[in-house]
Amino acid sequence: MTIQLVFLARLRERFGVSREAFALTADIDTVAALLAALRKRGGAFAEELAEGRAFRVAVNQDVVTFDHPVHAGDEVAIFPPVTGG
């Protein structure tokens, strides 16, 4: 059971990858659990996804809250907030 992770903007640059397949485990059932698993990688993942850092998450192209469920086959995009002007 896998999901597709997509990293955009500065996160793509910091992580050195724009997308990857990620294997879900039984304990990863929400966006919050996914983010916790990614933080455990350490380095840029721990820094950029730390609590209090500004980033958004979309599941299947819908922006969601961290309590949103994740399921096999989902596309989960993580990106910094976008401003324009």
N, C-alpha and C. Protein backbone atom coordinates (compact mmCIF):
# COMPACT_ATOMS: atom_id res chain seq x y z
N MET A 1 0.84 -1.17 0.00
CA MET A 1 0.00 0.00 0.00
C MET A 1 0.89 1.24 0.00
N THR A 2 0.77 2.02 -1.05
CA THR A 2 1.61 3.21 -1.16
C THR A 2 0.77 4.43 -1.51
N ILE A 3 1.36 5.58 -1.24
CA ILE A 3 0.83 6.86 -1.68
C ILE A 3 1.93 7.53 -2.49
N GLN A 4 1.55 8.56 -3.24
CA GLN A 4 2.52 9.38 -3.96
C GLN A 4 2.69 10.67 -3.19
N LEU A 5 3.92 10.97 -2.78
CA LEU A 5 4.23 12.24 -2.15
C LEU A 5 4.74 13.20 -3.20
N VAL A 6 4.28 14.43 -3.14
CA VAL A 6 4.72 15.48 -4.05
C VAL A 6 5.21 16.65 -3.20
N PHE A 7 6.43 17.09 -3.47
CA PHE A 7 7.01 18.22 -2.74
C PHE A 7 7.17 19.38 -3.72
N LEU A 8 6.68 20.55 -3.33
CA LEU A 8 6.68 21.70 -4.22
C LEU A 8 7.53 22.84 -3.67
N ALA A 9 7.97 23.72 -4.57
CA ALA A 9 8.68 24.96 -4.25
C ALA A 9 9.91 24.69 -3.39
N ARG A 10 10.08 25.43 -2.30
CA ARG A 10 11.30 25.30 -1.50
C ARG A 10 11.46 23.90 -0.91
N LEU A 11 10.36 23.20 -0.67
CA LEU A 11 10.46 21.86 -0.09
C LEU A 11 11.09 20.90 -1.09
N ARG A 12 10.75 21.04 -2.35
CA ARG A 12 11.37 20.21 -3.39
C ARG A 12 12.88 20.44 -3.40
N GLU A 13 13.27 21.69 -3.29
CA GLU A 13 14.70 22.02 -3.29
C GLU A 13 15.40 21.49 -2.05
N ARG A 14 14.78 21.66 -0.90
CA ARG A 14 15.40 21.21 0.36
C ARG A 14 15.49 19.69 0.46
N PHE A 15 14.45 18.99 -0.03
CA PHE A 15 14.43 17.53 0.08
C PHE A 15 15.18 16.86 -1.06
N GLY A 16 15.46 17.61 -2.14
CA GLY A 16 16.19 17.06 -3.26
C GLY A 16 15.40 16.11 -4.13
N VAL A 17 14.08 16.16 -4.03
CA VAL A 17 13.22 15.28 -4.82
C VAL A 17 11.87 15.97 -4.98
N SER A 18 11.24 15.78 -6.12
CA SER A 18 9.94 16.40 -6.34
C SER A 18 8.78 15.47 -6.02
N ARG A 19 9.01 14.15 -6.16
CA ARG A 19 7.96 13.19 -5.82
C ARG A 19 8.58 11.85 -5.49
N GLU A 20 7.84 11.07 -4.71
CA GLU A 20 8.31 9.73 -4.36
C GLU A 20 7.12 8.87 -3.96
N ALA A 21 7.28 7.58 -4.15
CA ALA A 21 6.30 6.63 -3.63
C ALA A 21 6.64 6.39 -2.17
N PHE A 22 5.63 6.37 -1.33
CA PHE A 22 5.82 6.19 0.11
C PHE A 22 4.94 5.04 0.59
N ALA A 23 5.56 4.07 1.24
CA ALA A 23 4.82 2.90 1.73
C ALA A 23 4.10 3.24 3.03
N LEU A 24 2.79 3.06 3.04
CA LEU A 24 2.01 3.28 4.25
C LEU A 24 2.14 2.08 5.18
N THR A 25 2.20 2.36 6.45
CA THR A 25 2.15 1.32 7.47
C THR A 25 0.84 1.48 8.23
N ALA A 26 0.48 0.51 9.03
CA ALA A 26 -0.81 0.52 9.73
C ALA A 26 -0.99 1.75 10.61
N ASP A 27 0.10 2.30 11.13
CA ASP A 27 -0.01 3.45 12.03
C ASP A 27 -0.07 4.79 11.30
N ILE A 28 0.09 4.80 9.99
CA ILE A 28 0.01 6.04 9.22
C ILE A 28 -1.36 6.09 8.54
N ASP A 29 -2.30 6.73 9.23
CA ASP A 29 -3.66 6.79 8.70
C ASP A 29 -4.19 8.21 8.56
N THR A 30 -3.40 9.20 8.96
CA THR A 30 -3.79 10.60 8.82
C THR A 30 -2.59 11.39 8.30
N VAL A 31 -2.87 12.61 7.86
CA VAL A 31 -1.80 13.50 7.43
C VAL A 31 -0.82 13.73 8.58
N ALA A 32 -1.33 13.92 9.80
CA ALA A 32 -0.46 14.15 10.96
C ALA A 32 0.50 12.99 11.17
N ALA A 33 0.00 11.76 11.06
CA ALA A 33 0.86 10.59 11.23
C ALA A 33 1.89 10.50 10.11
N LEU A 34 1.49 10.86 8.90
CA LEU A 34 2.43 10.88 7.77
C LEU A 34 3.54 11.90 8.02
N LEU A 35 3.16 13.10 8.45
CA LEU A 35 4.16 14.13 8.72
C LEU A 35 5.11 13.69 9.82
N ALA A 36 4.61 13.03 10.85
CA ALA A 36 5.46 12.53 11.93
C ALA A 36 6.47 11.52 11.39
N ALA A 37 6.01 10.64 10.49
CA ALA A 37 6.91 9.65 9.90
C ALA A 37 7.99 10.33 9.05
N LEU A 38 7.60 11.35 8.30
CA LEU A 38 8.58 12.07 7.48
C LEU A 38 9.58 12.82 8.35
N ARG A 39 9.13 13.40 9.46
CA ARG A 39 10.05 14.09 10.37
C ARG A 39 11.11 13.15 10.92
N LYS A 40 10.75 11.89 11.12
CA LYS A 40 11.69 10.90 11.67
C LYS A 40 12.87 10.65 10.73
N ARG A 41 12.76 11.06 9.48
CA ARG A 41 13.89 10.94 8.55
C ARG A 41 15.04 11.85 8.98
N GLY A 42 14.70 12.89 9.75
CA GLY A 42 15.72 13.83 10.22
C GLY A 42 16.08 14.84 9.15
N GLY A 43 17.16 15.55 9.39
CA GLY A 43 17.68 16.52 8.42
C GLY A 43 16.66 17.53 7.97
N ALA A 44 16.62 17.78 6.66
CA ALA A 44 15.72 18.77 6.09
C ALA A 44 14.25 18.43 6.35
N PHE A 45 13.92 17.14 6.39
CA PHE A 45 12.53 16.76 6.65
C PHE A 45 12.12 17.19 8.05
N ALA A 46 12.96 16.94 9.04
CA ALA A 46 12.65 17.34 10.41
C ALA A 46 12.57 18.86 10.53
N GLU A 47 13.45 19.56 9.84
CA GLU A 47 13.47 21.02 9.92
C GLU A 47 12.26 21.64 9.22
N GLU A 48 12.02 21.27 7.99
CA GLU A 48 10.97 21.91 7.19
C GLU A 48 9.56 21.52 7.61
N LEU A 49 9.39 20.33 8.18
CA LEU A 49 8.07 19.86 8.57
C LEU A 49 7.83 19.97 10.07
N ALA A 50 8.72 20.67 10.77
CA ALA A 50 8.58 20.85 12.21
C ALA A 50 7.29 21.60 12.53
N GLU A 51 6.73 21.32 13.69
CA GLU A 51 5.54 22.04 14.12
C GLU A 51 5.88 23.52 14.20
N GLY A 52 4.95 24.34 13.73
CA GLY A 52 5.18 25.78 13.71
C GLY A 52 5.73 26.30 12.39
N ARG A 53 6.26 25.41 11.55
CA ARG A 53 6.73 25.84 10.22
C ARG A 53 5.53 26.04 9.31
N ALA A 54 5.67 26.94 8.36
CA ALA A 54 4.57 27.26 7.44
C ALA A 54 4.61 26.33 6.23
N PHE A 55 3.64 25.44 6.14
CA PHE A 55 3.45 24.62 4.95
C PHE A 55 2.01 24.14 4.93
N ARG A 56 1.55 23.74 3.76
CA ARG A 56 0.19 23.25 3.58
C ARG A 56 0.27 21.83 3.03
N VAL A 57 -0.84 21.13 3.14
CA VAL A 57 -0.93 19.76 2.63
C VAL A 57 -2.22 19.62 1.82
N ALA A 58 -2.11 18.98 0.67
CA ALA A 58 -3.28 18.67 -0.15
C ALA A 58 -3.30 17.16 -0.39
N VAL A 59 -4.48 16.59 -0.26
CA VAL A 59 -4.68 15.17 -0.58
C VAL A 59 -5.58 15.12 -1.81
N ASN A 60 -5.05 14.51 -2.85
CA ASN A 60 -5.78 14.42 -4.12
C ASN A 60 -6.24 15.80 -4.59
N GLN A 61 -5.34 16.78 -4.45
CA GLN A 61 -5.50 18.15 -4.93
C GLN A 61 -6.50 18.98 -4.13
N ASP A 62 -6.91 18.52 -2.96
CA ASP A 62 -7.75 19.30 -2.05
C ASP A 62 -6.94 19.64 -0.81
N VAL A 63 -6.83 20.93 -0.47
CA VAL A 63 -6.12 21.32 0.74
C VAL A 63 -6.89 20.79 1.95
N VAL A 64 -6.16 20.16 2.87
CA VAL A 64 -6.78 19.48 4.00
C VAL A 64 -6.11 19.88 5.31
N THR A 65 -6.76 19.52 6.41
CA THR A 65 -6.19 19.69 7.73
C THR A 65 -5.38 18.44 8.09
N PHE A 66 -4.60 18.55 9.14
CA PHE A 66 -3.72 17.44 9.50
C PHE A 66 -4.45 16.21 10.01
N ASP A 67 -5.72 16.33 10.38
CA ASP A 67 -6.47 15.16 10.83
C ASP A 67 -7.14 14.41 9.67
N HIS A 68 -6.92 14.88 8.45
CA HIS A 68 -7.50 14.24 7.26
C HIS A 68 -6.90 12.85 7.07
N PRO A 69 -7.71 11.85 6.73
CA PRO A 69 -7.18 10.50 6.51
C PRO A 69 -6.36 10.39 5.22
N VAL A 70 -5.44 9.46 5.21
CA VAL A 70 -4.71 9.10 3.99
C VAL A 70 -4.94 7.63 3.71
N HIS A 71 -5.06 7.32 2.42
CA HIS A 71 -5.35 5.96 2.00
C HIS A 71 -4.42 5.57 0.86
N ALA A 72 -4.24 4.28 0.69
CA ALA A 72 -3.43 3.78 -0.42
C ALA A 72 -3.94 4.38 -1.72
N GLY A 73 -3.01 4.81 -2.56
CA GLY A 73 -3.35 5.38 -3.84
C GLY A 73 -3.50 6.89 -3.83
N ASP A 74 -3.55 7.50 -2.65
CA ASP A 74 -3.68 8.96 -2.57
C ASP A 74 -2.42 9.65 -3.08
N GLU A 75 -2.62 10.88 -3.55
CA GLU A 75 -1.50 11.77 -3.85
C GLU A 75 -1.50 12.83 -2.75
N VAL A 76 -0.39 12.96 -2.04
CA VAL A 76 -0.27 13.92 -0.96
C VAL A 76 0.81 14.93 -1.34
N ALA A 77 0.39 16.17 -1.52
CA ALA A 77 1.32 17.23 -1.85
C ALA A 77 1.59 18.09 -0.61
N ILE A 78 2.85 18.42 -0.42
CA ILE A 78 3.25 19.28 0.71
C ILE A 78 3.95 20.47 0.10
N PHE A 79 3.51 21.66 0.51
CA PHE A 79 4.01 22.88 -0.14
C PHE A 79 3.94 24.06 0.80
N PRO A 80 4.82 25.04 0.59
CA PRO A 80 4.75 26.26 1.41
C PRO A 80 3.54 27.09 0.99
N PRO A 81 3.07 27.95 1.90
CA PRO A 81 1.96 28.81 1.51
C PRO A 81 2.38 29.72 0.38
N VAL A 82 1.45 30.02 -0.50
CA VAL A 82 1.74 30.83 -1.68
C VAL A 82 1.15 32.22 -1.48
N THR A 83 1.96 33.21 -1.79
CA THR A 83 1.46 34.59 -1.78
C THR A 83 1.68 35.20 -3.15
N GLY A 84 0.93 36.17 -3.44
CA GLY A 84 1.08 36.82 -4.75
C GLY A 84 1.02 38.32 -4.56
N GLY A 85 1.26 39.01 -5.64
CA GLY A 85 1.16 40.44 -5.51
C GLY A 85 1.91 41.18 -6.58
